[in-house]
Amino acid sequence: MFHLKSQSHFPVLTVIRFHPIRSFIVCQQYRPISISISLHTSKVPLLKNTRSLTNSSLYHSNKSFKMDQDQNSETIIAIGQLCSTADIQQNLLTCQKLAKEASEQGAKALFLPEATDYITTPGSPPTSLSLALPMTTSPFVLGLQSSAKEYSLAINVGIHVPNASGNKVLNRSIWISESGDIVGQYDKVHLFDYAAAGLKESDSVEAGKKVGGPVETCVGNVGLLICFDLRFPTASLHLRTQNTQILTYPSAFTIPTGLLHWETLLRARAIETQSYVIAAAQVGSHNAKRESYGHSMVVNPLGRVVLDMGGAGDAEGEESPLASGKLGIARIDLGRVREAREKMPLMART
């Protein structure tokens, strides 16, 4: 189906088609380079792709993203996609707003990105270490615990805490139960040292010591991992041996690596572990030196993307105006995990 409309003085062609792999509708917009269309031919102009959005990334009046509803799904979960800055209080307010919206949508758990509490500017004050506080005294953590209890909503979030010696921080993912208690935590083992982007996480972050076991939660057995851990399948396979049903990767991927690898890696981890993968992501420009890819995703145990919230759209880092500070809604069914593992018992072959 084609629809031609005018946007400013340049026509825009919208193409709506069914995505055969993701099994949802894809809406693509194109700007014609040449607009001469003959009434006697089926040819269309040469097109330049300007943006591709899945239907799960379209903005609805309730200010949330929604995927196609699966009638057999059992549990509603929510993803908050945001652009954290060095303003911890503002970041907290954004998260609390998302928690309220998630509760109103009937979600049992809210998943937030890596470093949700703050992202600082490298080489400029305030430093990450100066902002990091123990979980017991952190206004950010305490605020989310309060929201979790108020809305009976479990929350998975990425934060910073000072290490034991006080000279670096730990990049931590925590699970806050629906009663407001911290019942699980994991410190990032694989740090992002990427010379091509001028980023060296190990300069300010101490690596975690090990990948533990899954956390028993209201939505299933959840394995906590973070961002760059995504590139190391041994971590997710270790969790799979302990009956993990859901893997989480709160992230802040760069735009170049996101464009190349993000979706591929998430789908690979889901397929090889036969688990749901939930990846809440930072998006947009945090400061003059840091941008994140976005595209928070939920992938089912067969490797199918069931939610993509949008973000950087092309090599120039085009960002969907709908992507930041918004909520994604998806449904997960642990019966699909069980079915995938029974039909193809991969762990019995290793």
C-alpha atoms as a PDB file:
ATOM      1  CA  MET A   1       0.000   0.000   0.000  1.00  0.00           C
ATOM      2  CA  PHE A   2       1.365   3.402  -0.949  1.00  0.00           C
ATOM      3  CA  HIS A   3       0.305   6.837   0.204  1.00  0.00           C
ATOM      4  CA  LEU A   4       1.789  10.015  -1.211  1.00  0.00           C
ATOM      5  CA  LYS A   5       1.532  13.176   0.867  1.00  0.00           C
ATOM      6  CA  SER A   6       3.214  16.567   1.051  1.00  0.00           C
ATOM      7  CA  GLN A   7       5.607  17.470   3.833  1.00  0.00           C
ATOM      8  CA  SER A   8       6.792  21.053   3.472  1.00  0.00           C
ATOM      9  CA  HIS A   9       7.468  21.384  -0.276  1.00  0.00           C
ATOM     10  CA  PHE A  10       8.989  17.883  -0.623  1.00  0.00           C
ATOM     11  CA  PRO A  11       6.661  14.900  -1.132  1.00  0.00           C
ATOM     12  CA  VAL A  12       7.085  11.954   1.244  1.00  0.00           C
ATOM     13  CA  LEU A  13       6.121   8.407   0.292  1.00  0.00           C
ATOM     14  CA  THR A  14       4.961   6.107   3.095  1.00  0.00           C
ATOM     15  CA  VAL A  15       5.232   2.365   2.468  1.00  0.00           C
ATOM     16  CA  ILE A  16       3.460  -0.020   4.834  1.00  0.00           C
ATOM     17  CA  ARG A  17       4.409  -3.682   4.675  1.00  0.00           C
ATOM     18  CA  PHE A  18       4.417  -6.841   6.804  1.00  0.00           C
ATOM     19  CA  HIS A  19       7.804  -7.788   8.275  1.00  0.00           C
ATOM     20  CA  PRO A  20       8.227 -11.562   7.655  1.00  0.00           C
ATOM     21  CA  ILE A  21      10.726 -12.154  10.486  1.00  0.00           C
ATOM     22  CA  ARG A  22       9.481  -9.889  13.235  1.00  0.00           C
ATOM     23  CA  SER A  23       5.799 -10.580  12.378  1.00  0.00           C
ATOM     24  CA  PHE A  24       4.621  -7.028  12.813  1.00  0.00           C
ATOM     25  CA  ILE A  25       3.943  -4.069  10.552  1.00  0.00           C
ATOM     26  CA  VAL A  26       6.812  -1.885   9.369  1.00  0.00           C
ATOM     27  CA  CYS A  27       6.160   1.698   8.348  1.00  0.00           C
ATOM     28  CA  GLN A  28       8.872   3.259   6.156  1.00  0.00           C
ATOM     29  CA  GLN A  29       9.088   6.804   4.896  1.00  0.00           C
ATOM     30  CA  TYR A  30      10.985   7.741   1.737  1.00  0.00           C
ATOM     31  CA  ARG A  31      11.874  11.046   0.104  1.00  0.00           C
ATOM     32  CA  PRO A  32      11.851  10.853  -3.726  1.00  0.00           C
ATOM     33  CA  ILE A  33      14.947  11.976  -5.597  1.00  0.00           C
ATOM     34  CA  SER A  34      12.914  12.222  -8.816  1.00  0.00           C
ATOM     35  CA  ILE A  35       9.150  12.664  -8.752  1.00  0.00           C
ATOM     36  CA  SER A  36       8.177  12.087 -12.369  1.00  0.00           C
ATOM     37  CA  ILE A  37       5.533   9.342 -12.275  1.00  0.00           C
ATOM     38  CA  SER A  38       3.755   8.316 -15.452  1.00  0.00           C
ATOM     39  CA  LEU A  39       0.071   7.446 -15.240  1.00  0.00           C
ATOM     40  CA  HIS A  40       0.734   4.693 -17.799  1.00  0.00           C
ATOM     41  CA  THR A  41       3.482   2.826 -15.936  1.00  0.00           C
ATOM     42  CA  SER A  42       3.875   0.992 -12.650  1.00  0.00           C
ATOM     43  CA  LYS A  43       7.349   2.409 -12.053  1.00  0.00           C
ATOM     44  CA  VAL A  44       7.961   4.522  -8.958  1.00  0.00           C
ATOM     45  CA  PRO A  45      10.730   7.112  -8.326  1.00  0.00           C
ATOM     46  CA  LEU A  46      14.175   6.284  -7.039  1.00  0.00           C
ATOM     47  CA  LEU A  47      13.823   6.478  -3.264  1.00  0.00           C
ATOM     48  CA  LYS A  48      16.038   7.431  -0.375  1.00  0.00           C
ATOM     49  CA  ASN A  49      15.175   5.825   2.973  1.00  0.00           C
ATOM     50  CA  THR A  50      14.823   8.486   5.667  1.00  0.00           C
ATOM     51  CA  ARG A  51      13.385   6.508   8.573  1.00  0.00           C
ATOM     52  CA  SER A  52      12.042   3.099   9.466  1.00  0.00           C
ATOM     53  CA  LEU A  53       9.763   2.617  12.466  1.00  0.00           C
ATOM     54  CA  THR A  54       8.097  -0.545  13.697  1.00  0.00           C
ATOM     55  CA  ASN A  55       4.535  -0.321  14.892  1.00  0.00           C
ATOM     56  CA  SER A  56       5.856  -0.860  18.416  1.00  0.00           C
ATOM     57  CA  SER A  57       7.625   2.473  18.087  1.00  0.00           C
ATOM     58  CA  LEU A  58       4.599   4.519  17.057  1.00  0.00           C
ATOM     59  CA  TYR A  59       3.390   7.077  19.578  1.00  0.00           C
ATOM     60  CA  HIS A  60      -0.053   6.504  21.034  1.00  0.00           C
ATOM     61  CA  SER A  61      -2.311   8.908  22.904  1.00  0.00           C
ATOM     62  CA  ASN A  62      -1.563   7.154  26.182  1.00  0.00           C
ATOM     63  CA  LYS A  63       2.087   8.188  25.801  1.00  0.00           C
ATOM     64  CA  SER A  64       3.432   4.644  25.638  1.00  0.00           C
ATOM     65  CA  PHE A  65       4.721   2.239  23.006  1.00  0.00           C
ATOM     66  CA  LYS A  66       2.794  -0.983  22.513  1.00  0.00           C
ATOM     67  CA  MET A  67       3.515  -4.148  20.567  1.00  0.00           C
ATOM     68  CA  ASP A  68       0.845  -6.271  18.903  1.00  0.00           C
ATOM     69  CA  GLN A  69      -0.962  -8.032  21.718  1.00  0.00           C
ATOM     70  CA  ASP A  70      -0.406 -11.780  21.902  1.00  0.00           C
ATOM     71  CA  GLN A  71      -3.591 -13.284  23.281  1.00  0.00           C
ATOM     72  CA  ASN A  72      -1.674 -16.203  24.822  1.00  0.00           C
ATOM     73  CA  SER A  73       0.754 -14.007  26.734  1.00  0.00           C
ATOM     74  CA  GLU A  74       0.711 -14.140  30.508  1.00  0.00           C
ATOM     75  CA  THR A  75       2.771 -11.292  31.950  1.00  0.00           C
ATOM     76  CA  ILE A  76       2.919  -7.614  31.012  1.00  0.00           C
ATOM     77  CA  ILE A  77       6.326  -5.969  31.346  1.00  0.00           C
ATOM     78  CA  ALA A  78       7.441  -2.396  30.622  1.00  0.00           C
ATOM     79  CA  ILE A  79      10.665  -0.877  29.325  1.00  0.00           C
ATOM     80  CA  GLY A  80      11.670   2.697  30.052  1.00  0.00           C
ATOM     81  CA  GLN A  81      13.921   4.237  27.401  1.00  0.00           C
ATOM     82  CA  LEU A  82      15.537   7.524  28.397  1.00  0.00           C
ATOM     83  CA  CYS A  83      18.493   9.841  28.034  1.00  0.00           C
ATOM     84  CA  SER A  84      20.187  10.178  31.423  1.00  0.00           C
ATOM     85  CA  THR A  85      22.387  13.173  32.235  1.00  0.00           C
ATOM     86  CA  ALA A  86      24.421  14.257  35.260  1.00  0.00           C
ATOM     87  CA  ASP A  87      21.206  15.582  36.859  1.00  0.00           C
ATOM     88  CA  ILE A  88      20.318  12.693  39.191  1.00  0.00           C
ATOM     89  CA  GLN A  89      17.145  14.298  40.512  1.00  0.00           C
ATOM     90  CA  GLN A  90      15.742  14.847  37.034  1.00  0.00           C
ATOM     91  CA  ASN A  91      16.660  11.288  36.042  1.00  0.00           C
ATOM     92  CA  LEU A  92      14.786  10.007  39.104  1.00  0.00           C
ATOM     93  CA  LEU A  93      11.695  12.063  38.273  1.00  0.00           C
ATOM     94  CA  THR A  94      11.671  10.624  34.754  1.00  0.00           C
ATOM     95  CA  CYS A  95      11.929   7.083  36.123  1.00  0.00           C
ATOM     96  CA  GLN A  96       9.166   7.653  38.660  1.00  0.00           C
ATOM     97  CA  LYS A  97       6.909   8.975  35.898  1.00  0.00           C
ATOM     98  CA  LEU A  98       7.623   5.852  33.857  1.00  0.00           C
ATOM     99  CA  ALA A  99       6.939   3.651  36.896  1.00  0.00           C
ATOM    100  CA  LYS A 100       3.530   5.268  37.318  1.00  0.00           C
ATOM    101  CA  GLU A 101       2.715   4.780  33.640  1.00  0.00           C
ATOM    102  CA  ALA A 102       3.900   1.153  33.775  1.00  0.00           C
ATOM    103  CA  SER A 103       1.622   0.479  36.722  1.00  0.00           C
ATOM    104  CA  GLU A 104      -1.323   2.066  34.917  1.00  0.00           C
ATOM    105  CA  GLN A 105      -0.647  -0.221  31.945  1.00  0.00           C
ATOM    106  CA  GLY A 106      -0.805  -3.292  34.201  1.00  0.00           C
ATOM    107  CA  ALA A 107       2.902  -4.140  34.074  1.00  0.00           C
ATOM    108  CA  LYS A 108       4.407  -6.360  36.754  1.00  0.00           C
ATOM    109  CA  ALA A 109       7.969  -5.137  36.164  1.00  0.00           C
ATOM    110  CA  LEU A 110       9.734  -2.085  34.735  1.00  0.00           C
ATOM    111  CA  PHE A 111      13.132  -2.441  33.059  1.00  0.00           C
ATOM    112  CA  LEU A 112      15.406   0.632  32.935  1.00  0.00           C
ATOM    113  CA  PRO A 113      18.784   1.140  31.182  1.00  0.00           C
ATOM    114  CA  GLU A 114      22.381   0.939  32.285  1.00  0.00           C
ATOM    115  CA  ALA A 115      23.604   4.009  34.192  1.00  0.00           C
ATOM    116  CA  THR A 116      20.071   5.306  34.640  1.00  0.00           C
ATOM    117  CA  ASP A 117      21.061   7.264  37.756  1.00  0.00           C
ATOM    118  CA  TYR A 118      23.520   9.472  35.835  1.00  0.00           C
ATOM    119  CA  ILE A 119      25.830   9.818  32.840  1.00  0.00           C
ATOM    120  CA  THR A 120      28.584  12.401  33.213  1.00  0.00           C
ATOM    121  CA  THR A 121      30.762  14.201  30.667  1.00  0.00           C
ATOM    122  CA  PRO A 122      34.241  12.605  30.453  1.00  0.00           C
ATOM    123  CA  GLY A 123      36.945  14.974  31.679  1.00  0.00           C
ATOM    124  CA  SER A 124      34.490  17.482  33.124  1.00  0.00           C
ATOM    125  CA  PRO A 125      32.916  17.895  36.558  1.00  0.00           C
ATOM    126  CA  PRO A 126      31.026  16.380  38.179  1.00  0.00           C
ATOM    127  CA  THR A 127      32.923  13.106  37.982  1.00  0.00           C
ATOM    128  CA  SER A 128      31.206   9.761  38.180  1.00  0.00           C
ATOM    129  CA  LEU A 129      32.957   8.944  41.442  1.00  0.00           C
ATOM    130  CA  SER A 130      31.779  12.172  43.072  1.00  0.00           C
ATOM    131  CA  LEU A 131      28.136  11.319  42.289  1.00  0.00           C
ATOM    132  CA  ALA A 132      28.178   7.655  43.294  1.00  0.00           C
ATOM    133  CA  LEU A 133      26.628   6.767  46.655  1.00  0.00           C
ATOM    134  CA  PRO A 134      26.008   3.485  48.501  1.00  0.00           C
ATOM    135  CA  MET A 135      22.605   2.009  47.742  1.00  0.00           C
ATOM    136  CA  THR A 136      21.461   2.491  51.335  1.00  0.00           C
ATOM    137  CA  THR A 137      21.926   6.274  51.145  1.00  0.00           C
ATOM    138  CA  SER A 138      21.387   6.984  47.440  1.00  0.00           C
ATOM    139  CA  PRO A 139      18.331   9.247  46.906  1.00  0.00           C
ATOM    140  CA  PHE A 140      17.991   7.735  43.448  1.00  0.00           C
ATOM    141  CA  VAL A 141      17.824   4.138  44.677  1.00  0.00           C
ATOM    142  CA  LEU A 142      15.648   5.027  47.664  1.00  0.00           C
ATOM    143  CA  GLY A 143      13.294   6.915  45.361  1.00  0.00           C
ATOM    144  CA  LEU A 144      12.875   3.918  43.073  1.00  0.00           C
ATOM    145  CA  GLN A 145      12.359   1.607  46.040  1.00  0.00           C
ATOM    146  CA  SER A 146       9.568   3.899  47.172  1.00  0.00           C
ATOM    147  CA  SER A 147       7.968   3.843  43.711  1.00  0.00           C
ATOM    148  CA  ALA A 148       8.250   0.053  43.500  1.00  0.00           C
ATOM    149  CA  LYS A 149       6.409  -0.296  46.787  1.00  0.00           C
ATOM    150  CA  GLU A 150       3.823   2.370  45.944  1.00  0.00           C
ATOM    151  CA  TYR A 151       2.885   0.772  42.624  1.00  0.00           C
ATOM    152  CA  SER A 152       3.584  -2.900  43.543  1.00  0.00           C
ATOM    153  CA  LEU A 153       5.965  -2.870  40.596  1.00  0.00           C
ATOM    154  CA  ALA A 154       9.300  -4.694  40.353  1.00  0.00           C
ATOM    155  CA  ILE A 155      12.093  -2.544  38.885  1.00  0.00           C
ATOM    156  CA  ASN A 156      15.361  -3.550  37.220  1.00  0.00           C
ATOM    157  CA  VAL A 157      17.743  -0.606  36.883  1.00  0.00           C
ATOM    158  CA  GLY A 158      21.400   0.164  36.193  1.00  0.00           C
ATOM    159  CA  ILE A 159      23.202   2.355  38.741  1.00  0.00           C
ATOM    160  CA  HIS A 160      26.664   3.317  40.026  1.00  0.00           C
ATOM    161  CA  VAL A 161      28.020   2.628  43.509  1.00  0.00           C
ATOM    162  CA  PRO A 162      31.491   3.362  44.943  1.00  0.00           C
ATOM    163  CA  ASN A 163      33.857   0.409  45.202  1.00  0.00           C
ATOM    164  CA  ALA A 164      35.323  -0.768  48.499  1.00  0.00           C
ATOM    165  CA  SER A 165      38.496   1.314  48.197  1.00  0.00           C
ATOM    166  CA  GLY A 166      36.630   4.443  47.097  1.00  0.00           C
ATOM    167  CA  ASN A 167      38.786   5.099  44.032  1.00  0.00           C
ATOM    168  CA  LYS A 168      36.403   3.780  41.360  1.00  0.00           C
ATOM    169  CA  VAL A 169      32.736   2.933  40.902  1.00  0.00           C
ATOM    170  CA  LEU A 170      30.941  -0.325  40.206  1.00  0.00           C
ATOM    171  CA  ASN A 171      28.556  -0.498  37.254  1.00  0.00           C
ATOM    172  CA  ARG A 172      25.652  -2.343  38.888  1.00  0.00           C
ATOM    173  CA  SER A 173      22.292  -3.772  37.889  1.00  0.00           C
ATOM    174  CA  ILE A 174      19.819  -4.234  40.728  1.00  0.00           C
ATOM    175  CA  TRP A 175      16.437  -5.895  41.060  1.00  0.00           C
ATOM    176  CA  ILE A 176      13.954  -4.116  43.298  1.00  0.00           C
ATOM    177  CA  SER A 177      10.997  -6.315  44.225  1.00  0.00           C
ATOM    178  CA  GLU A 178       7.386  -5.185  44.084  1.00  0.00           C
ATOM    179  CA  SER A 179       7.586  -4.668  47.862  1.00  0.00           C
ATOM    180  CA  GLY A 180      10.486  -2.220  47.431  1.00  0.00           C
ATOM    181  CA  ASP A 181      13.322  -4.483  48.599  1.00  0.00           C
ATOM    182  CA  ILE A 182      16.584  -4.995  46.708  1.00  0.00           C
ATOM    183  CA  VAL A 183      16.611  -8.765  46.163  1.00  0.00           C
ATOM    184  CA  GLY A 184      19.273  -9.098  43.467  1.00  0.00           C
ATOM    185  CA  GLN A 185      22.356  -7.325  42.173  1.00  0.00           C
ATOM    186  CA  TYR A 186      25.134  -7.836  39.657  1.00  0.00           C
ATOM    187  CA  ASP A 187      28.309  -5.847  38.964  1.00  0.00           C
ATOM    188  CA  LYS A 188      29.365  -5.624  35.317  1.00  0.00           C
ATOM    189  CA  VAL A 189      32.184  -8.073  34.596  1.00  0.00           C
ATOM    190  CA  HIS A 190      33.077  -7.132  31.012  1.00  0.00           C
ATOM    191  CA  LEU A 191      33.982  -3.437  30.844  1.00  0.00           C
ATOM    192  CA  PHE A 192      33.695  -1.400  27.660  1.00  0.00           C
ATOM    193  CA  ASP A 193      37.188  -0.390  26.591  1.00  0.00           C
ATOM    194  CA  TYR A 194      36.820   0.734  22.980  1.00  0.00           C
ATOM    195  CA  ALA A 195      39.770   2.712  21.666  1.00  0.00           C
ATOM    196  CA  ALA A 196      38.092   3.604  18.358  1.00  0.00           C
ATOM    197  CA  ALA A 197      35.479   5.632  20.240  1.00  0.00           C
ATOM    198  CA  GLY A 198      37.896   6.993  22.820  1.00  0.00           C
ATOM    199  CA  LEU A 199      36.055   5.185  25.604  1.00  0.00           C
ATOM    200  CA  LYS A 200      37.776   3.246  28.361  1.00  0.00           C
ATOM    201  CA  GLU A 201      35.342   2.247  31.067  1.00  0.00           C
ATOM    202  CA  SER A 202      38.047   0.595  33.162  1.00  0.00           C
ATOM    203  CA  ASP A 203      39.597   4.014  33.862  1.00  0.00           C
ATOM    204  CA  SER A 204      36.778   4.809  36.269  1.00  0.00           C
ATOM    205  CA  VAL A 205      34.974   1.506  36.827  1.00  0.00           C
ATOM    206  CA  GLU A 206      36.073  -1.583  38.708  1.00  0.00           C
ATOM    207  CA  ALA A 207      35.066  -4.839  37.040  1.00  0.00           C
ATOM    208  CA  GLY A 208      32.723  -7.208  38.829  1.00  0.00           C
ATOM    209  CA  LYS A 209      34.126 -10.485  40.069  1.00  0.00           C
ATOM    210  CA  LYS A 210      31.653 -13.047  38.698  1.00  0.00           C
ATOM    211  CA  VAL A 211      28.347 -13.796  37.025  1.00  0.00           C
ATOM    212  CA  GLY A 212      26.070 -15.223  39.688  1.00  0.00           C
ATOM    213  CA  GLY A 213      22.754 -17.035  39.425  1.00  0.00           C
ATOM    214  CA  PRO A 214      19.279 -15.893  38.422  1.00  0.00           C
ATOM    215  CA  VAL A 215      16.991 -13.887  40.678  1.00  0.00           C
ATOM    216  CA  GLU A 216      13.594 -15.395  41.460  1.00  0.00           C
ATOM    217  CA  THR A 217      11.113 -12.642  40.620  1.00  0.00           C
ATOM    218  CA  CYS A 218       7.427 -12.043  39.997  1.00  0.00           C
ATOM    219  CA  VAL A 219       8.016 -12.436  36.246  1.00  0.00           C
ATOM    220  CA  GLY A 220      10.283 -15.502  36.324  1.00  0.00           C
ATOM    221  CA  ASN A 221      13.920 -16.428  36.902  1.00  0.00           C
ATOM    222  CA  VAL A 222      15.882 -13.380  35.753  1.00  0.00           C
ATOM    223  CA  GLY A 223      19.583 -13.327  34.882  1.00  0.00           C
ATOM    224  CA  LEU A 224      21.202  -9.928  35.379  1.00  0.00           C
ATOM    225  CA  LEU A 225      23.850  -8.845  32.862  1.00  0.00           C
ATOM    226  CA  ILE A 226      24.862  -5.409  31.523  1.00  0.00           C
ATOM    227  CA  CYS A 227      25.545  -3.943  28.072  1.00  0.00           C
ATOM    228  CA  PHE A 228      29.023  -5.106  26.934  1.00  0.00           C
ATOM    229  CA  ASP A 229      28.383  -8.501  28.592  1.00  0.00           C
ATOM    230  CA  LEU A 230      26.163  -9.055  25.553  1.00  0.00           C
ATOM    231  CA  ARG A 231      29.252  -9.875  23.486  1.00  0.00           C
ATOM    232  CA  PHE A 232      30.267 -12.760  25.762  1.00  0.00           C
ATOM    233  CA  PRO A 233      27.917 -15.744  25.316  1.00  0.00           C
ATOM    234  CA  THR A 234      29.575 -17.708  28.115  1.00  0.00           C
ATOM    235  CA  ALA A 235      27.946 -15.342  30.622  1.00  0.00           C
ATOM    236  CA  SER A 236      24.407 -15.947  29.354  1.00  0.00           C
ATOM    237  CA  LEU A 237      25.019 -19.675  28.889  1.00  0.00           C
ATOM    238  CA  HIS A 238      26.219 -19.866  32.496  1.00  0.00           C
ATOM    239  CA  LEU A 239      22.911 -18.358  33.591  1.00  0.00           C
ATOM    240  CA  ARG A 240      21.004 -20.709  31.284  1.00  0.00           C
ATOM    241  CA  THR A 241      22.444 -23.746  33.107  1.00  0.00           C
ATOM    242  CA  GLN A 242      20.741 -22.428  36.249  1.00  0.00           C
ATOM    243  CA  ASN A 243      17.268 -22.309  34.671  1.00  0.00           C
ATOM    244  CA  THR A 244      17.277 -18.627  33.829  1.00  0.00           C
ATOM    245  CA  GLN A 245      14.167 -17.776  31.813  1.00  0.00           C
ATOM    246  CA  ILE A 246      14.742 -14.068  31.171  1.00  0.00           C
ATOM    247  CA  LEU A 247      18.056 -12.337  30.440  1.00  0.00           C
ATOM    248  CA  THR A 248      18.362  -8.599  30.998  1.00  0.00           C
ATOM    249  CA  TYR A 249      20.900  -6.335  29.310  1.00  0.00           C
ATOM    250  CA  PRO A 250      20.387  -2.745  30.497  1.00  0.00           C
ATOM    251  CA  SER A 251      22.597  -0.846  28.071  1.00  0.00           C
ATOM    252  CA  ALA A 252      24.063   2.362  26.704  1.00  0.00           C
ATOM    253  CA  PHE A 253      25.338   1.219  23.301  1.00  0.00           C
ATOM    254  CA  THR A 254      27.215   3.645  21.077  1.00  0.00           C
ATOM    255  CA  ILE A 255      25.566   4.504  17.769  1.00  0.00           C
ATOM    256  CA  PRO A 256      28.252   2.916  15.511  1.00  0.00           C
ATOM    257  CA  THR A 257      28.275  -0.401  17.391  1.00  0.00           C
ATOM    258  CA  GLY A 258      24.521  -0.323  17.809  1.00  0.00           C
ATOM    259  CA  LEU A 259      23.913   0.021  14.088  1.00  0.00           C
ATOM    260  CA  LEU A 260      26.207  -2.911  13.378  1.00  0.00           C
ATOM    261  CA  HIS A 261      25.617  -5.381  16.191  1.00  0.00           C
ATOM    262  CA  TRP A 262      22.849  -4.540  18.687  1.00  0.00           C
ATOM    263  CA  GLU A 263      19.895  -6.493  17.307  1.00  0.00           C
ATOM    264  CA  THR A 264      22.052  -9.345  16.032  1.00  0.00           C
ATOM    265  CA  LEU A 265      23.633  -9.912  19.440  1.00  0.00           C
ATOM    266  CA  LEU A 266      20.338  -9.718  21.332  1.00  0.00           C
ATOM    267  CA  ARG A 267      18.696 -12.236  19.030  1.00  0.00           C
ATOM    268  CA  ALA A 268      21.710 -14.549  19.219  1.00  0.00           C
ATOM    269  CA  ARG A 269      21.641 -14.582  23.032  1.00  0.00           C
ATOM    270  CA  ALA A 270      17.913 -15.344  22.987  1.00  0.00           C
ATOM    271  CA  ILE A 271      18.258 -18.172  20.474  1.00  0.00           C
ATOM    272  CA  GLU A 272      21.201 -19.946  22.086  1.00  0.00           C
ATOM    273  CA  THR A 273      19.752 -19.769  25.618  1.00  0.00           C
ATOM    274  CA  GLN A 274      16.104 -20.205  24.541  1.00  0.00           C
ATOM    275  CA  SER A 275      15.210 -17.352  26.864  1.00  0.00           C
ATOM    276  CA  TYR A 276      13.488 -14.004  26.668  1.00  0.00           C
ATOM    277  CA  VAL A 277      15.964 -11.155  26.312  1.00  0.00           C
ATOM    278  CA  ILE A 278      14.940  -7.747  27.657  1.00  0.00           C
ATOM    279  CA  ALA A 279      17.283  -4.872  26.854  1.00  0.00           C
ATOM    280  CA  ALA A 280      16.388  -1.386  28.103  1.00  0.00           C
ATOM    281  CA  ALA A 281      18.648   1.168  26.455  1.00  0.00           C
ATOM    282  CA  GLN A 282      19.820   4.735  26.800  1.00  0.00           C
ATOM    283  CA  VAL A 283      19.071   6.900  23.763  1.00  0.00           C
ATOM    284  CA  GLY A 284      20.150  10.252  22.348  1.00  0.00           C
ATOM    285  CA  SER A 285      22.737  12.865  23.300  1.00  0.00           C
ATOM    286  CA  HIS A 286      23.684  12.867  26.997  1.00  0.00           C
ATOM    287  CA  ASN A 287      26.318  15.575  26.603  1.00  0.00           C
ATOM    288  CA  ALA A 288      28.750  16.927  24.032  1.00  0.00           C
ATOM    289  CA  LYS A 289      30.854  13.756  24.161  1.00  0.00           C
ATOM    290  CA  ARG A 290      28.332  10.959  24.579  1.00  0.00           C
ATOM    291  CA  GLU A 291      25.457   9.618  22.477  1.00  0.00           C
ATOM    292  CA  SER A 292      23.556   6.362  22.811  1.00  0.00           C
ATOM    293  CA  TYR A 293      21.871   4.176  20.219  1.00  0.00           C
ATOM    294  CA  GLY A 294      18.544   3.365  21.891  1.00  0.00           C
ATOM    295  CA  HIS A 295      16.352   0.705  20.265  1.00  0.00           C
ATOM    296  CA  SER A 296      15.310  -0.943  23.520  1.00  0.00           C
ATOM    297  CA  MET A 297      14.167  -4.438  22.621  1.00  0.00           C
ATOM    298  CA  VAL A 298      12.355  -7.529  23.783  1.00  0.00           C
ATOM    299  CA  VAL A 299      13.283 -10.760  21.983  1.00  0.00           C
ATOM    300  CA  ASN A 300      11.410 -14.019  22.483  1.00  0.00           C
ATOM    301  CA  PRO A 301      13.020 -17.475  22.994  1.00  0.00           C
ATOM    302  CA  LEU A 302      12.928 -18.165  19.249  1.00  0.00           C
ATOM    303  CA  GLY A 303      14.892 -15.009  18.479  1.00  0.00           C
ATOM    304  CA  ARG A 304      11.974 -12.947  17.215  1.00  0.00           C
ATOM    305  CA  VAL A 305      11.969  -9.229  18.063  1.00  0.00           C
ATOM    306  CA  VAL A 306       8.595  -8.454  19.645  1.00  0.00           C
ATOM    307  CA  LEU A 307       9.377  -4.880  20.707  1.00  0.00           C
ATOM    308  CA  ASP A 308      11.740  -2.267  19.263  1.00  0.00           C
ATOM    309  CA  MET A 309      11.359   1.248  20.677  1.00  0.00           C
ATOM    310  CA  GLY A 310      13.378   3.068  18.041  1.00  0.00           C
ATOM    311  CA  GLY A 311      16.358   5.366  18.377  1.00  0.00           C
ATOM    312  CA  ALA A 312      19.267   6.230  16.117  1.00  0.00           C
ATOM    313  CA  GLY A 313      18.010   5.657  12.599  1.00  0.00           C
ATOM    314  CA  ASP A 314      20.989   5.829  10.267  1.00  0.00           C
ATOM    315  CA  ALA A 315      24.743   6.284  10.008  1.00  0.00           C
ATOM    316  CA  GLU A 316      24.392   9.981  10.825  1.00  0.00           C
ATOM    317  CA  GLY A 317      22.717   9.154  14.125  1.00  0.00           C
ATOM    318  CA  GLU A 318      19.212  10.283  13.192  1.00  0.00           C
ATOM    319  CA  GLU A 319      17.004   9.807  16.246  1.00  0.00           C
ATOM    320  CA  SER A 320      13.298   9.142  16.351  1.00  0.00           C
ATOM    321  CA  PRO A 321      11.621  12.047  18.173  1.00  0.00           C
ATOM    322  CA  LEU A 322       9.485   9.458  19.952  1.00  0.00           C
ATOM    323  CA  ALA A 323      12.294   7.415  21.453  1.00  0.00           C
ATOM    324  CA  SER A 324      13.404   9.234  24.626  1.00  0.00           C
ATOM    325  CA  GLY A 325      11.617   9.288  27.959  1.00  0.00           C
ATOM    326  CA  LYS A 326       8.930   6.905  26.777  1.00  0.00           C
ATOM    327  CA  LEU A 327       7.513   3.580  27.859  1.00  0.00           C
ATOM    328  CA  GLY A 328       7.440   0.322  25.914  1.00  0.00           C
ATOM    329  CA  ILE A 329       4.904  -2.382  26.741  1.00  0.00           C
ATOM    330  CA  ALA A 330       5.312  -6.081  25.921  1.00  0.00           C
ATOM    331  CA  ARG A 331       3.921  -9.410  27.053  1.00  0.00           C
ATOM    332  CA  ILE A 332       6.028 -12.427  27.937  1.00  0.00           C
ATOM    333  CA  ASP A 333       4.883 -16.019  28.262  1.00  0.00           C
ATOM    334  CA  LEU A 334       7.179 -18.409  30.136  1.00  0.00           C
ATOM    335  CA  GLY A 335       5.277 -21.254  28.494  1.00  0.00           C
ATOM    336  CA  ARG A 336       7.102 -20.321  25.301  1.00  0.00           C
ATOM    337  CA  VAL A 337      10.425 -20.742  27.085  1.00  0.00           C
ATOM    338  CA  ARG A 338       9.412 -24.204  28.258  1.00  0.00           C
ATOM    339  CA  GLU A 339       8.092 -25.156  24.830  1.00  0.00           C
ATOM    340  CA  ALA A 340      11.253 -24.021  23.029  1.00  0.00           C
ATOM    341  CA  ARG A 341      13.460 -26.003  25.394  1.00  0.00           C
ATOM    342  CA  GLU A 342      11.324 -29.139  25.229  1.00  0.00           C
ATOM    343  CA  LYS A 343      11.168 -29.146  21.431  1.00  0.00           C
ATOM    344  CA  MET A 344      14.898 -28.540  21.039  1.00  0.00           C
ATOM    345  CA  PRO A 345      16.731 -29.552  24.262  1.00  0.00           C
ATOM    346  CA  LEU A 346      20.023 -27.819  23.515  1.00  0.00           C
ATOM    347  CA  MET A 347      21.425 -28.081  27.047  1.00  0.00           C
ATOM    348  CA  ALA A 348      21.172 -31.872  26.889  1.00  0.00           C
ATOM    349  CA  ARG A 349      23.607 -31.817  23.956  1.00  0.00           C
ATOM    350  CA  THR A 350      26.359 -29.769  25.612  1.00  0.00           C
END
